[in-house]
Amino acid sequence: MATVFWDSEGILFINYKDKGVSITGEYYASILERLKEAIKQKRRGKLTKGVLLLHDNAPVHKSRVALAALLKVGFDILNQPPYSPDLAPSDYYLFPKIKKELRGEYIEKEK
């Protein structure tokens, strides 16, 4: 599984979860730390302007550990209204790019 963060200029950071690893508040907090570093490298000056993350309603995003990590890295949250699949930005940006890149490729199942 991959967690992908992007902005209007393109993909900022991709985290690939190892098989058998659970996604917890601690795991997500570690991703946020690495995302902050990726933004520093790829979008110089953007951190000082502020980072706004659009979160869905996944329990891991609402965990105390994740919320504390968001405060620590200085990101603000834009919550997605519940039951609003029409507001999924991944449908308009991320998935079309992935489909284009994978067109004609064969992906073998993991055993």
Protein backbone atom coordinates (compact mmCIF):
# COMPACT_ATOMS: atom_id res chain seq x y z
CA MET A 1 0.00 0.00 0.00
CA ALA A 2 1.19 3.50 -0.75
CA THR A 3 0.38 6.78 0.98
CA VAL A 4 0.78 9.66 -1.47
CA PHE A 5 0.95 13.38 -0.68
CA TRP A 6 0.77 15.96 -3.46
CA ASP A 7 0.11 19.62 -4.08
CA SER A 8 -0.76 21.72 -7.13
CA GLU A 9 2.79 21.29 -8.46
CA GLY A 10 2.92 17.50 -8.25
CA ILE A 11 3.76 14.61 -5.95
CA LEU A 12 5.61 15.56 -2.78
CA PHE A 13 6.12 12.26 -0.99
CA ILE A 14 5.21 8.59 -1.35
CA ASN A 15 5.42 6.16 1.55
CA TYR A 16 5.23 2.43 0.82
CA LYS A 17 3.96 0.37 3.73
CA ASP A 18 5.82 -2.85 4.44
CA LYS A 19 3.76 -6.02 4.33
CA GLY A 20 2.38 -6.92 7.75
CA VAL A 21 2.78 -3.42 9.20
CA SER A 22 -0.37 -1.90 10.71
CA ILE A 23 -1.27 1.70 10.11
CA THR A 24 -1.49 3.29 13.54
CA GLY A 25 -1.30 6.81 14.87
CA GLU A 26 2.41 6.28 15.53
CA TYR A 27 2.98 5.03 11.98
CA TYR A 28 1.12 8.00 10.50
CA ALA A 29 3.04 10.41 12.77
CA SER A 30 6.32 9.08 11.37
CA ILE A 31 5.01 9.65 7.84
CA LEU A 32 4.16 13.26 8.70
CA GLU A 33 7.73 13.87 9.89
CA ARG A 34 9.08 12.55 6.59
CA LEU A 35 6.51 14.58 4.65
CA LYS A 36 7.74 17.74 6.34
CA GLU A 37 11.30 16.94 5.25
CA ALA A 38 10.12 16.25 1.68
CA ILE A 39 8.35 19.62 1.57
CA LYS A 40 11.53 21.33 2.82
CA GLN A 41 13.47 19.73 -0.02
CA LYS A 42 10.98 20.02 -2.88
CA ARG A 43 9.06 23.20 -2.07
CA ARG A 44 11.52 25.59 -0.48
CA GLY A 45 9.73 28.35 1.41
CA LYS A 46 6.35 26.62 1.45
CA LEU A 47 6.60 25.55 5.09
CA THR A 48 6.76 29.17 6.21
CA LYS A 49 3.56 29.90 4.29
CA GLY A 50 1.80 26.99 6.03
CA VAL A 51 0.77 23.51 5.03
CA LEU A 52 -2.88 22.49 4.85
CA LEU A 53 -3.66 18.76 4.68
CA LEU A 54 -6.99 17.45 3.46
CA HIS A 55 -7.85 14.49 5.68
CA ASP A 56 -10.57 11.96 5.22
CA ASN A 57 -12.31 10.56 8.27
CA ALA A 58 -10.00 7.60 8.87
CA PRO A 59 -9.59 6.85 12.60
CA VAL A 60 -5.80 7.02 12.31
CA HIS A 61 -6.04 10.66 11.19
CA LYS A 62 -8.07 11.50 14.29
CA SER A 63 -5.89 9.65 16.80
CA ARG A 64 -4.26 11.61 19.62
CA VAL A 65 -0.80 10.63 18.39
CA ALA A 66 -1.50 11.82 14.84
CA LEU A 67 -3.05 15.09 16.01
CA ALA A 68 -0.05 15.74 18.27
CA ALA A 69 2.28 15.04 15.32
CA LEU A 70 0.35 17.50 13.15
CA LEU A 71 0.85 20.19 15.80
CA LYS A 72 4.53 19.31 16.09
CA VAL A 73 5.20 19.60 12.34
CA GLY A 74 3.01 22.71 12.09
CA PHE A 75 0.46 21.43 9.58
CA ASP A 76 -3.18 22.54 9.61
CA ILE A 77 -6.02 20.16 8.81
CA LEU A 78 -8.86 20.60 6.35
CA ASN A 79 -11.37 17.90 7.22
CA GLN A 80 -13.32 16.23 4.45
CA PRO A 81 -17.05 16.15 5.17
CA PRO A 82 -18.30 12.61 5.88
CA TYR A 83 -19.79 10.67 3.00
CA SER A 84 -18.47 13.06 0.37
CA PRO A 85 -16.83 10.94 -2.33
CA ASP A 86 -17.44 13.80 -4.76
CA LEU A 87 -14.77 15.78 -2.89
CA ALA A 88 -12.00 13.20 -3.31
CA PRO A 89 -9.08 15.03 -4.97
CA SER A 90 -7.34 11.72 -5.63
CA ASP A 91 -10.04 10.97 -8.22
CA TYR A 92 -9.11 14.09 -10.18
CA TYR A 93 -5.33 14.20 -9.86
CA LEU A 94 -3.67 11.09 -8.48
CA PHE A 95 -5.59 8.20 -10.01
CA PRO A 96 -5.49 9.51 -13.61
CA LYS A 97 -1.70 9.94 -13.32
CA ILE A 98 -1.27 6.42 -11.94
CA LYS A 99 -3.48 4.96 -14.67
CA LYS A 100 -1.46 6.75 -17.34
CA GLU A 101 1.85 5.47 -15.93
CA LEU A 102 0.61 1.89 -15.59
CA ARG A 103 -1.12 1.69 -18.97
CA GLY A 104 0.13 -1.42 -20.76
CA GLU A 105 1.98 -2.74 -17.70
CA TYR A 106 1.38 -6.16 -16.18
CA ILE A 107 1.45 -6.35 -12.40
CA GLU A 108 1.97 -9.77 -10.90
CA LYS A 109 -0.02 -10.68 -7.80
CA GLU A 110 1.84 -10.80 -4.52
CA LYS A 111 1.83 -14.28 -2.97
